[in-house]
PDB file of all heavy atoms in Angstrom:
ATOM      1  N   VAL A   1      -0.759  -9.152  -0.875  1.00  0.00           N
ATOM      2  CA  VAL A   1       0.591  -8.762  -1.275  1.00  0.00           C
ATOM      3  C   VAL A   1       0.781  -7.305  -0.863  1.00  0.00           C
ATOM      4  O   VAL A   1      -0.172  -6.547  -0.795  1.00  0.00           O
ATOM      5  CB  VAL A   1       0.827  -8.920  -2.798  1.00  0.00           C
ATOM      6  CG1 VAL A   1       0.740 -10.365  -3.213  1.00  0.00           C
ATOM      7  CG2 VAL A   1      -0.122  -8.074  -3.608  1.00  0.00           C
ATOM      8  N   GLU A   2       1.998  -6.933  -0.573  1.00  0.00           N
ATOM      9  CA  GLU A   2       2.314  -5.553  -0.213  1.00  0.00           C
ATOM     10  C   GLU A   2       2.904  -4.868  -1.435  1.00  0.00           C
ATOM     11  O   GLU A   2       3.921  -5.317  -1.970  1.00  0.00           O
ATOM     12  CB  GLU A   2       3.302  -5.520   0.957  1.00  0.00           C
ATOM     13  CG  GLU A   2       3.804  -4.154   1.315  1.00  0.00           C
ATOM     14  CD  GLU A   2       2.729  -3.216   1.849  1.00  0.00           C
ATOM     15  OE1 GLU A   2       1.714  -3.681   2.373  1.00  0.00           O
ATOM     16  OE2 GLU A   2       2.926  -2.001   1.732  1.00  0.00           O
ATOM     17  N   HIS A   3       2.254  -3.806  -1.879  1.00  0.00           N
ATOM     18  CA  HIS A   3       2.777  -3.028  -3.002  1.00  0.00           C
ATOM     19  C   HIS A   3       3.865  -2.104  -2.478  1.00  0.00           C
ATOM     20  O   HIS A   3       3.631  -1.334  -1.548  1.00  0.00           O
ATOM     21  CB  HIS A   3       1.661  -2.224  -3.665  1.00  0.00           C
ATOM     22  CG  HIS A   3       0.702  -3.081  -4.420  1.00  0.00           C
ATOM     23  ND1 HIS A   3      -0.330  -3.751  -3.819  1.00  0.00           N
ATOM     24  CD2 HIS A   3       0.647  -3.395  -5.738  1.00  0.00           C
ATOM     25  CE1 HIS A   3      -0.994  -4.444  -4.731  1.00  0.00           C
ATOM     26  NE2 HIS A   3      -0.415  -4.253  -5.896  1.00  0.00           N
ATOM     27  N   ILE A   4       5.045  -2.181  -3.052  1.00  0.00           N
ATOM     28  CA  ILE A   4       6.158  -1.349  -2.612  1.00  0.00           C
ATOM     29  C   ILE A   4       5.829   0.119  -2.852  1.00  0.00           C
ATOM     30  O   ILE A   4       6.060   0.962  -1.995  1.00  0.00           O
ATOM     31  CB  ILE A   4       7.457  -1.779  -3.315  1.00  0.00           C
ATOM     32  CG1 ILE A   4       7.793  -3.218  -2.891  1.00  0.00           C
ATOM     33  CG2 ILE A   4       8.596  -0.829  -2.990  1.00  0.00           C
ATOM     34  CD1 ILE A   4       8.878  -3.873  -3.689  1.00  0.00           C
ATOM     35  N   LEU A   5       5.268   0.414  -4.000  1.00  0.00           N
ATOM     36  CA  LEU A   5       4.641   1.708  -4.281  1.00  0.00           C
ATOM     37  C   LEU A   5       3.153   1.424  -4.388  1.00  0.00           C
ATOM     38  O   LEU A   5       2.761   0.396  -4.942  1.00  0.00           O
ATOM     39  CB  LEU A   5       5.151   2.302  -5.587  1.00  0.00           C
ATOM     40  CG  LEU A   5       6.629   2.670  -5.627  1.00  0.00           C
ATOM     41  CD1 LEU A   5       7.032   3.069  -7.034  1.00  0.00           C
ATOM     42  CD2 LEU A   5       6.925   3.783  -4.655  1.00  0.00           C
ATOM     43  N   PRO A   6       2.296   2.314  -3.886  1.00  0.00           N
ATOM     44  CA  PRO A   6       0.859   2.029  -3.900  1.00  0.00           C
ATOM     45  C   PRO A   6       0.322   1.699  -5.293  1.00  0.00           C
ATOM     46  O   PRO A   6       0.707   2.312  -6.285  1.00  0.00           O
ATOM     47  CB  PRO A   6       0.232   3.324  -3.374  1.00  0.00           C
ATOM     48  CG  PRO A   6       1.309   3.958  -2.570  1.00  0.00           C
ATOM     49  CD  PRO A   6       2.585   3.603  -3.259  1.00  0.00           C
ATOM     50  N   GLU A   7      -0.577   0.744  -5.317  1.00  0.00           N
ATOM     51  CA  GLU A   7      -1.227   0.376  -6.576  1.00  0.00           C
ATOM     52  C   GLU A   7      -2.016   1.559  -7.133  1.00  0.00           C
ATOM     53  O   GLU A   7      -2.133   1.729  -8.336  1.00  0.00           O
ATOM     54  CB  GLU A   7      -2.150  -0.822  -6.342  1.00  0.00           C
ATOM     55  CG  GLU A   7      -2.745  -1.389  -7.594  1.00  0.00           C
ATOM     56  CD  GLU A   7      -3.552  -2.645  -7.353  1.00  0.00           C
ATOM     57  OE1 GLU A   7      -3.874  -2.948  -6.187  1.00  0.00           O
ATOM     58  OE2 GLU A   7      -3.851  -3.323  -8.341  1.00  0.00           O
ATOM     59  N   SER A   8      -2.532   2.400  -6.245  1.00  0.00           N
ATOM     60  CA  SER A   8      -3.304   3.565  -6.682  1.00  0.00           C
ATOM     61  C   SER A   8      -2.442   4.601  -7.398  1.00  0.00           C
ATOM     62  O   SER A   8      -2.969   5.518  -8.010  1.00  0.00           O
ATOM     63  CB  SER A   8      -4.004   4.205  -5.487  1.00  0.00           C
ATOM     64  OG  SER A   8      -3.060   4.491  -4.476  1.00  0.00           O
ATOM     65  N   LEU A   9      -1.117   4.448  -7.317  1.00  0.00           N
ATOM     66  CA  LEU A   9      -0.216   5.314  -8.087  1.00  0.00           C
ATOM     67  C   LEU A   9       0.241   4.629  -9.368  1.00  0.00           C
ATOM     68  O   LEU A   9       1.155   5.086 -10.028  1.00  0.00           O
ATOM     69  CB  LEU A   9       1.006   5.710  -7.241  1.00  0.00           C
ATOM     70  CG  LEU A   9       0.721   6.622  -6.065  1.00  0.00           C
ATOM     71  CD1 LEU A   9       1.988   6.870  -5.269  1.00  0.00           C
ATOM     72  CD2 LEU A   9       0.122   7.939  -6.529  1.00  0.00           C
ATOM     73  N   GLY A  10      -0.375   3.512  -9.693  1.00  0.00           N
ATOM     74  CA  GLY A  10      -0.091   2.834 -10.949  1.00  0.00           C
ATOM     75  C   GLY A  10       0.829   1.637 -10.846  1.00  0.00           C
ATOM     76  O   GLY A  10       1.120   0.999 -11.849  1.00  0.00           O
ATOM     77  N   ASN A  11       1.291   1.317  -9.651  1.00  0.00           N
ATOM     78  CA  ASN A  11       2.212   0.199  -9.494  1.00  0.00           C
ATOM     79  C   ASN A  11       1.463  -1.126  -9.477  1.00  0.00           C
ATOM     80  O   ASN A  11       0.620  -1.356  -8.634  1.00  0.00           O
ATOM     81  CB  ASN A  11       3.007   0.339  -8.194  1.00  0.00           C
ATOM     82  CG  ASN A  11       3.865  -0.874  -7.932  1.00  0.00           C
ATOM     83  OD1 ASN A  11       4.438  -1.452  -8.830  1.00  0.00           O
ATOM     84  ND2 ASN A  11       3.923  -1.264  -6.680  1.00  0.00           N
ATOM     85  N   LYS A  12       1.777  -1.970 -10.413  1.00  0.00           N
ATOM     86  CA  LYS A  12       1.203  -3.320 -10.421  1.00  0.00           C
ATOM     87  C   LYS A  12       2.293  -4.378 -10.398  1.00  0.00           C
ATOM     88  O   LYS A  12       2.031  -5.536 -10.152  1.00  0.00           O
ATOM     89  CB  LYS A  12       0.311  -3.503 -11.642  1.00  0.00           C
ATOM     90  CG  LYS A  12      -0.896  -2.606 -11.575  1.00  0.00           C
ATOM     91  CD  LYS A  12      -1.846  -2.842 -12.696  1.00  0.00           C
ATOM     92  CE  LYS A  12      -2.898  -1.767 -12.603  1.00  0.00           C
ATOM     93  NZ  LYS A  12      -4.154  -2.090 -13.044  1.00  0.00           N
ATOM     94  N   ALA A  13       3.534  -3.965 -10.655  1.00  0.00           N
ATOM     95  CA  ALA A  13       4.611  -4.935 -10.806  1.00  0.00           C
ATOM     96  C   ALA A  13       5.492  -5.094  -9.573  1.00  0.00           C
ATOM     97  O   ALA A  13       6.009  -6.173  -9.326  1.00  0.00           O
ATOM     98  CB  ALA A  13       5.485  -4.531 -11.991  1.00  0.00           C
ATOM     99  N   HIS A  14       5.655  -4.051  -8.808  1.00  0.00           N
ATOM    100  CA  HIS A  14       6.592  -4.079  -7.685  1.00  0.00           C
ATOM    101  C   HIS A  14       5.859  -4.407  -6.387  1.00  0.00           C
ATOM    102  O   HIS A  14       5.361  -3.517  -5.699  1.00  0.00           O
ATOM    103  CB  HIS A  14       7.329  -2.745  -7.571  1.00  0.00           C
ATOM    104  CG  HIS A  14       8.045  -2.368  -8.827  1.00  0.00           C
ATOM    105  ND1 HIS A  14       9.173  -3.026  -9.256  1.00  0.00           N
ATOM    106  CD2 HIS A  14       7.763  -1.440  -9.758  1.00  0.00           C
ATOM    107  CE1 HIS A  14       9.569  -2.499 -10.395  1.00  0.00           C
ATOM    108  NE2 HIS A  14       8.735  -1.541 -10.729  1.00  0.00           N
ATOM    109  N   VAL A  15       5.798  -5.704  -6.082  1.00  0.00           N
ATOM    110  CA  VAL A  15       5.073  -6.161  -4.899  1.00  0.00           C
ATOM    111  C   VAL A  15       5.918  -7.169  -4.126  1.00  0.00           C
ATOM    112  O   VAL A  15       6.795  -7.823  -4.683  1.00  0.00           O
ATOM    113  CB  VAL A  15       3.717  -6.808  -5.259  1.00  0.00           C
ATOM    114  CG1 VAL A  15       2.794  -5.821  -5.925  1.00  0.00           C
ATOM    115  CG2 VAL A  15       3.908  -8.024  -6.137  1.00  0.00           C
ATOM    116  N   LEU A  16       5.626  -7.253  -2.834  1.00  0.00           N
ATOM    117  CA  LEU A  16       6.199  -8.296  -1.999  1.00  0.00           C
ATOM    118  C   LEU A  16       5.186  -9.431  -1.943  1.00  0.00           C
ATOM    119  O   LEU A  16       3.983  -9.179  -1.832  1.00  0.00           O
ATOM    120  CB  LEU A  16       6.471  -7.767  -0.590  1.00  0.00           C
ATOM    121  CG  LEU A  16       7.471  -6.618  -0.492  1.00  0.00           C
ATOM    122  CD1 LEU A  16       7.520  -6.076   0.932  1.00  0.00           C
ATOM    123  CD2 LEU A  16       8.840  -7.067  -0.950  1.00  0.00           C
ATOM    124  N   PRO A  17       5.602 -10.667  -2.021  1.00  0.00           N
ATOM    125  CA  PRO A  17       4.659 -11.790  -2.052  1.00  0.00           C
ATOM    126  C   PRO A  17       3.907 -11.949  -0.728  1.00  0.00           C
ATOM    127  O   PRO A  17       4.345 -11.440   0.309  1.00  0.00           O
ATOM    128  CB  PRO A  17       5.556 -12.995  -2.328  1.00  0.00           C
ATOM    129  CG  PRO A  17       6.914 -12.584  -1.899  1.00  0.00           C
ATOM    130  CD  PRO A  17       6.995 -11.107  -2.086  1.00  0.00           C
ATOM    131  N   PRO A  18       2.786 -12.674  -0.754  1.00  0.00           N
ATOM    132  CA  PRO A  18       2.049 -12.937   0.481  1.00  0.00           C
ATOM    133  C   PRO A  18       2.959 -13.573   1.528  1.00  0.00           C
ATOM    134  O   PRO A  18       3.831 -14.380   1.197  1.00  0.00           O
ATOM    135  CB  PRO A  18       0.948 -13.917   0.051  1.00  0.00           C
ATOM    136  CG  PRO A  18       0.768 -13.665  -1.404  1.00  0.00           C
ATOM    137  CD  PRO A  18       2.133 -13.283  -1.919  1.00  0.00           C
ATOM    138  N   GLY A  19       2.774 -13.167   2.772  1.00  0.00           N
ATOM    139  CA  GLY A  19       3.552 -13.718   3.866  1.00  0.00           C
ATOM    140  C   GLY A  19       4.697 -12.828   4.312  1.00  0.00           C
ATOM    141  O   GLY A  19       5.220 -13.003   5.398  1.00  0.00           O
ATOM    142  N   ILE A  20       5.082 -11.858   3.505  1.00  0.00           N
ATOM    143  CA  ILE A  20       6.146 -10.928   3.901  1.00  0.00           C
ATOM    144  C   ILE A  20       5.581  -9.877   4.860  1.00  0.00           C
ATOM    145  O   ILE A  20       6.230  -9.486   5.823  1.00  0.00           O
ATOM    146  CB  ILE A  20       6.788 -10.253   2.671  1.00  0.00           C
ATOM    147  CG1 ILE A  20       7.359 -11.296   1.717  1.00  0.00           C
ATOM    148  CG2 ILE A  20       7.830  -9.240   3.078  1.00  0.00           C
ATOM    149  CD1 ILE A  20       8.522 -12.091   2.261  1.00  0.00           C
ATOM    150  N   VAL A  21       4.365  -9.418   4.565  1.00  0.00           N
ATOM    151  CA  VAL A  21       3.654  -8.457   5.417  1.00  0.00           C
ATOM    152  C   VAL A  21       2.326  -9.098   5.795  1.00  0.00           C
ATOM    153  O   VAL A  21       1.620  -9.621   4.931  1.00  0.00           O
ATOM    154  CB  VAL A  21       3.425  -7.121   4.679  1.00  0.00           C
ATOM    155  CG1 VAL A  21       2.619  -6.149   5.521  1.00  0.00           C
ATOM    156  CG2 VAL A  21       4.757  -6.498   4.278  1.00  0.00           C
ATOM    157  N   CYS A  22       1.974  -9.064   7.075  1.00  0.00           N
ATOM    158  CA  CYS A  22       0.703  -9.669   7.500  1.00  0.00           C
ATOM    159  C   CYS A  22      -0.469  -8.824   7.003  1.00  0.00           C
ATOM    160  O   CYS A  22      -0.321  -7.639   6.688  1.00  0.00           O
ATOM    161  CB  CYS A  22       0.665  -9.836   9.024  1.00  0.00           C
ATOM    162  SG  CYS A  22       0.489  -8.312   9.959  1.00  0.00           S
ATOM    163  N   ASP A  23      -1.630  -9.441   6.932  1.00  0.00           N
ATOM    164  CA  ASP A  23      -2.818  -8.744   6.446  1.00  0.00           C
ATOM    165  C   ASP A  23      -3.146  -7.528   7.313  1.00  0.00           C
ATOM    166  O   ASP A  23      -3.556  -6.483   6.810  1.00  0.00           O
ATOM    167  CB  ASP A  23      -4.013  -9.700   6.400  1.00  0.00           C
ATOM    168  CG  ASP A  23      -3.847 -10.768   5.327  1.00  0.00           C
ATOM    169  OD1 ASP A  23      -3.103 -10.549   4.350  1.00  0.00           O
ATOM    170  OD2 ASP A  23      -4.462 -11.849   5.476  1.00  0.00           O
ATOM    171  N   GLY A  24      -2.950  -7.644   8.629  1.00  0.00           N
ATOM    172  CA  GLY A  24      -3.242  -6.532   9.531  1.00  0.00           C
ATOM    173  C   GLY A  24      -2.373  -5.317   9.250  1.00  0.00           C
ATOM    174  O   GLY A  24      -2.871  -4.191   9.170  1.00  0.00           O
ATOM    175  N   CYS A  25      -1.073  -5.522   9.100  1.00  0.00           N
ATOM    176  CA  CYS A  25      -0.172  -4.407   8.797  1.00  0.00           C
ATOM    177  C   CYS A  25      -0.441  -3.851   7.407  1.00  0.00           C
ATOM    178  O   CYS A  25      -0.404  -2.633   7.197  1.00  0.00           O
ATOM    179  CB  CYS A  25       1.282  -4.847   8.932  1.00  0.00           C
ATOM    180  SG  CYS A  25       1.828  -5.035  10.639  1.00  0.00           S
ATOM    181  N   ASN A  26      -0.722  -4.716   6.455  1.00  0.00           N
ATOM    182  CA  ASN A  26      -1.018  -4.270   5.099  1.00  0.00           C
ATOM    183  C   ASN A  26      -2.256  -3.371   5.102  1.00  0.00           C
ATOM    184  O   ASN A  26      -2.261  -2.301   4.488  1.00  0.00           O
ATOM    185  CB  ASN A  26      -1.214  -5.469   4.176  1.00  0.00           C
ATOM    186  CG  ASN A  26      -1.155  -5.094   2.715  1.00  0.00           C
ATOM    187  OD1 ASN A  26      -1.062  -3.937   2.356  1.00  0.00           O
ATOM    188  ND2 ASN A  26      -1.220  -6.090   1.863  1.00  0.00           N
ATOM    189  N   ASN A  27      -3.300  -3.779   5.814  1.00  0.00           N
ATOM    190  CA  ASN A  27      -4.519  -2.968   5.902  1.00  0.00           C
ATOM    191  C   ASN A  27      -4.259  -1.662   6.637  1.00  0.00           C
ATOM    192  O   ASN A  27      -4.760  -0.608   6.246  1.00  0.00           O
ATOM    193  CB  ASN A  27      -5.633  -3.750   6.587  1.00  0.00           C
ATOM    194  CG  ASN A  27      -6.144  -4.876   5.720  1.00  0.00           C
ATOM    195  OD1 ASN A  27      -6.066  -4.815   4.501  1.00  0.00           O
ATOM    196  ND2 ASN A  27      -6.656  -5.923   6.350  1.00  0.00           N
ATOM    197  N   TYR A  28      -3.477  -1.722   7.718  1.00  0.00           N
ATOM    198  CA  TYR A  28      -3.154  -0.514   8.476  1.00  0.00           C
ATOM    199  C   TYR A  28      -2.418   0.490   7.596  1.00  0.00           C
ATOM    200  O   TYR A  28      -2.756   1.674   7.576  1.00  0.00           O
ATOM    201  CB  TYR A  28      -2.296  -0.862   9.702  1.00  0.00           C
ATOM    202  CG  TYR A  28      -1.817   0.364  10.430  1.00  0.00           C
ATOM    203  CD1 TYR A  28      -2.628   0.995  11.367  1.00  0.00           C
ATOM    204  CD2 TYR A  28      -0.560   0.903  10.169  1.00  0.00           C
ATOM    205  CE1 TYR A  28      -2.197   2.129  12.020  1.00  0.00           C
ATOM    206  CE2 TYR A  28      -0.121   2.034  10.818  1.00  0.00           C
ATOM    207  CZ  TYR A  28      -0.939   2.652  11.742  1.00  0.00           C
ATOM    208  OH  TYR A  28      -0.519   3.780  12.380  1.00  0.00           O
ATOM    209  N   LEU A  29      -1.416   0.026   6.873  1.00  0.00           N
ATOM    210  CA  LEU A  29      -0.651   0.927   6.013  1.00  0.00           C
ATOM    211  C   LEU A  29      -1.539   1.561   4.946  1.00  0.00           C
ATOM    212  O   LEU A  29      -1.389   2.747   4.639  1.00  0.00           O
ATOM    213  CB  LEU A  29       0.512   0.181   5.366  1.00  0.00           C
ATOM    214  CG  LEU A  29       1.640  -0.207   6.316  1.00  0.00           C
ATOM    215  CD1 LEU A  29       2.583  -1.193   5.644  1.00  0.00           C
ATOM    216  CD2 LEU A  29       2.391   1.019   6.778  1.00  0.00           C
ATOM    217  N   ALA A  30      -2.452   0.781   4.403  1.00  0.00           N
ATOM    218  CA  ALA A  30      -3.352   1.320   3.377  1.00  0.00           C
ATOM    219  C   ALA A  30      -4.272   2.400   3.949  1.00  0.00           C
ATOM    220  O   ALA A  30      -4.460   3.447   3.332  1.00  0.00           O
ATOM    221  CB  ALA A  30      -4.183   0.200   2.763  1.00  0.00           C
ATOM    222  N   ARG A  31      -4.813   2.153   5.135  1.00  0.00           N
ATOM    223  CA  ARG A  31      -5.769   3.101   5.732  1.00  0.00           C
ATOM    224  C   ARG A  31      -5.106   4.308   6.375  1.00  0.00           C
ATOM    225  O   ARG A  31      -5.598   5.429   6.236  1.00  0.00           O
ATOM    226  CB  ARG A  31      -6.613   2.409   6.805  1.00  0.00           C
ATOM    227  CG  ARG A  31      -7.690   1.511   6.268  1.00  0.00           C
ATOM    228  CD  ARG A  31      -8.500   0.886   7.394  1.00  0.00           C
ATOM    229  NE  ARG A  31      -7.654  -0.101   8.074  1.00  0.00           N
ATOM    230  CZ  ARG A  31      -7.301  -0.071   9.356  1.00  0.00           C
ATOM    231  NH1 ARG A  31      -7.721   0.814  10.125  1.00  0.00           N
ATOM    232  NH2 ARG A  31      -6.513  -0.981   9.873  1.00  0.00           N
ATOM    233  N   LYS A  32      -4.000   4.091   7.088  1.00  0.00           N
ATOM    234  CA  LYS A  32      -3.426   5.159   7.911  1.00  0.00           C
ATOM    235  C   LYS A  32      -2.239   5.880   7.278  1.00  0.00           C
ATOM    236  O   LYS A  32      -1.869   6.947   7.735  1.00  0.00           O
ATOM    237  CB  LYS A  32      -2.981   4.587   9.263  1.00  0.00           C
ATOM    238  CG  LYS A  32      -4.102   3.982  10.066  1.00  0.00           C
ATOM    239  CD  LYS A  32      -5.082   5.035  10.508  1.00  0.00           C
ATOM    240  CE  LYS A  32      -6.141   4.455  11.429  1.00  0.00           C
ATOM    241  NZ  LYS A  32      -7.029   5.461  11.948  1.00  0.00           N
ATOM    242  N   VAL A  33      -1.642   5.298   6.257  1.00  0.00           N
ATOM    243  CA  VAL A  33      -0.479   5.934   5.634  1.00  0.00           C
ATOM    244  C   VAL A  33      -0.792   6.331   4.191  1.00  0.00           C
ATOM    245  O   VAL A  33      -0.694   7.503   3.837  1.00  0.00           O
ATOM    246  CB  VAL A  33       0.763   5.007   5.691  1.00  0.00           C
ATOM    247  CG1 VAL A  33       1.949   5.646   5.002  1.00  0.00           C
ATOM    248  CG2 VAL A  33       1.101   4.657   7.138  1.00  0.00           C
ATOM    249  N   GLU A  34      -1.158   5.346   3.369  1.00  0.00           N
ATOM    250  CA  GLU A  34      -1.375   5.631   1.953  1.00  0.00           C
ATOM    251  C   GLU A  34      -2.601   6.508   1.711  1.00  0.00           C
ATOM    252  O   GLU A  34      -2.532   7.441   0.914  1.00  0.00           O
ATOM    253  CB  GLU A  34      -1.509   4.332   1.166  1.00  0.00           C
ATOM    254  CG  GLU A  34      -0.221   3.551   1.103  1.00  0.00           C
ATOM    255  CD  GLU A  34      -0.382   2.181   0.462  1.00  0.00           C
ATOM    256  OE1 GLU A  34      -1.463   1.893  -0.094  1.00  0.00           O
ATOM    257  OE2 GLU A  34       0.576   1.401   0.528  1.00  0.00           O
ATOM    258  N   LYS A  35      -3.711   6.220   2.366  1.00  0.00           N
ATOM    259  CA  LYS A  35      -4.938   6.968   2.114  1.00  0.00           C
ATOM    260  C   LYS A  35      -4.779   8.462   2.424  1.00  0.00           C
ATOM    261  O   LYS A  35      -5.109   9.297   1.581  1.00  0.00           O
ATOM    262  CB  LYS A  35      -6.098   6.367   2.898  1.00  0.00           C
ATOM    263  CG  LYS A  35      -7.415   7.029   2.595  1.00  0.00           C
ATOM    264  CD  LYS A  35      -8.554   6.392   3.344  1.00  0.00           C
ATOM    265  CE  LYS A  35      -9.846   7.117   3.017  1.00  0.00           C
ATOM    266  NZ  LYS A  35     -10.910   6.782   3.931  1.00  0.00           N
ATOM    267  N   PRO A  36      -4.263   8.850   3.608  1.00  0.00           N
ATOM    268  CA  PRO A  36      -4.086  10.292   3.848  1.00  0.00           C
ATOM    269  C   PRO A  36      -3.133  10.952   2.846  1.00  0.00           C
ATOM    270  O   PRO A  36      -3.367  12.084   2.415  1.00  0.00           O
ATOM    271  CB  PRO A  36      -3.504  10.353   5.266  1.00  0.00           C
ATOM    272  CG  PRO A  36      -3.912   9.079   5.907  1.00  0.00           C
ATOM    273  CD  PRO A  36      -3.954   8.065   4.798  1.00  0.00           C
ATOM    274  N   PHE A  37      -2.087  10.237   2.457  1.00  0.00           N
ATOM    275  CA  PHE A  37      -1.152  10.772   1.464  1.00  0.00           C
ATOM    276  C   PHE A  37      -1.861  10.994   0.136  1.00  0.00           C
ATOM    277  O   PHE A  37      -1.738  12.065  -0.473  1.00  0.00           O
ATOM    278  CB  PHE A  37       0.025   9.799   1.298  1.00  0.00           C
ATOM    279  CG  PHE A  37       0.936  10.140   0.167  1.00  0.00           C
ATOM    280  CD1 PHE A  37       1.845  11.178   0.275  1.00  0.00           C
ATOM    281  CD2 PHE A  37       0.904   9.419  -1.024  1.00  0.00           C
ATOM    282  CE1 PHE A  37       2.697  11.492  -0.775  1.00  0.00           C
ATOM    283  CE2 PHE A  37       1.748   9.724  -2.071  1.00  0.00           C
ATOM    284  CZ  PHE A  37       2.650  10.769  -1.950  1.00  0.00           C
ATOM    285  N   LEU A  38      -2.601   9.991  -0.317  1.00  0.00           N
ATOM    286  CA  LEU A  38      -3.274  10.086  -1.616  1.00  0.00           C
ATOM    287  C   LEU A  38      -4.406  11.098  -1.618  1.00  0.00           C
ATOM    288  O   LEU A  38      -4.785  11.601  -2.681  1.00  0.00           O
ATOM    289  CB  LEU A  38      -3.787   8.709  -2.029  1.00  0.00           C
ATOM    290  CG  LEU A  38      -2.697   7.687  -2.310  1.00  0.00           C
ATOM    291  CD1 LEU A  38      -3.293   6.301  -2.456  1.00  0.00           C
ATOM    292  CD2 LEU A  38      -1.894   8.065  -3.532  1.00  0.00           C
ATOM    293  N   GLU A  39      -4.952  11.421  -0.444  1.00  0.00           N
ATOM    294  CA  GLU A  39      -6.044  12.390  -0.359  1.00  0.00           C
ATOM    295  C   GLU A  39      -5.550  13.821  -0.213  1.00  0.00           C
ATOM    296  O   GLU A  39      -6.355  14.749  -0.228  1.00  0.00           O
ATOM    297  CB  GLU A  39      -6.981  12.020   0.792  1.00  0.00           C
ATOM    298  CG  GLU A  39      -7.782  10.770   0.501  1.00  0.00           C
ATOM    299  CD  GLU A  39      -8.691  10.361   1.637  1.00  0.00           C
ATOM    300  OE1 GLU A  39      -8.524  10.858   2.763  1.00  0.00           O
ATOM    301  OE2 GLU A  39      -9.575   9.526   1.386  1.00  0.00           O
ATOM    302  N   HIS A  40      -4.252  14.026  -0.077  1.00  0.00           N
ATOM    303  CA  HIS A  40      -3.703  15.373   0.014  1.00  0.00           C
ATOM    304  C   HIS A  40      -3.945  16.094  -1.314  1.00  0.00           C
ATOM    305  O   HIS A  40      -3.802  15.507  -2.388  1.00  0.00           O
ATOM    306  CB  HIS A  40      -2.209  15.306   0.325  1.00  0.00           C
ATOM    307  CG  HIS A  40      -1.640  16.622   0.715  1.00  0.00           C
ATOM    308  ND1 HIS A  40      -1.213  17.542  -0.206  1.00  0.00           N
ATOM    309  CD2 HIS A  40      -1.450  17.178   1.933  1.00  0.00           C
ATOM    310  CE1 HIS A  40      -0.774  18.612   0.418  1.00  0.00           C
ATOM    311  NE2 HIS A  40      -0.902  18.411   1.730  1.00  0.00           N
ATOM    312  N   ASP A  41      -4.320  17.372  -1.239  1.00  0.00           N
ATOM    313  CA  ASP A  41      -4.694  18.119  -2.439  1.00  0.00           C
ATOM    314  C   ASP A  41      -3.607  18.118  -3.516  1.00  0.00           C
ATOM    315  O   ASP A  41      -3.906  17.971  -4.703  1.00  0.00           O
ATOM    316  CB  ASP A  41      -5.063  19.561  -2.082  1.00  0.00           C
ATOM    317  CG  ASP A  41      -6.398  19.647  -1.359  1.00  0.00           C
ATOM    318  OD1 ASP A  41      -7.207  18.704  -1.483  1.00  0.00           O
ATOM    319  OD2 ASP A  41      -6.627  20.664  -0.672  1.00  0.00           O
ATOM    320  N   SER A  42      -2.356  18.274  -3.122  1.00  0.00           N
ATOM    321  CA  SER A  42      -1.291  18.316  -4.131  1.00  0.00           C
ATOM    322  C   SER A  42      -1.110  16.961  -4.814  1.00  0.00           C
ATOM    323  O   SER A  42      -0.840  16.894  -6.012  1.00  0.00           O
ATOM    324  CB  SER A  42       0.025  18.788  -3.510  1.00  0.00           C
ATOM    325  OG  SER A  42       0.426  17.913  -2.481  1.00  0.00           O
TER     326      SER A  42
END
């Protein structure tokens, strides 16, 4: 499932169901977009 807001920011309710985003894009977004954002010092 694709979390509209990252689960690591506390979102568990706002998700897109399986099949809306492919596993490859979901993994890419987690590694290349969300992870660098969440690792920023601020």
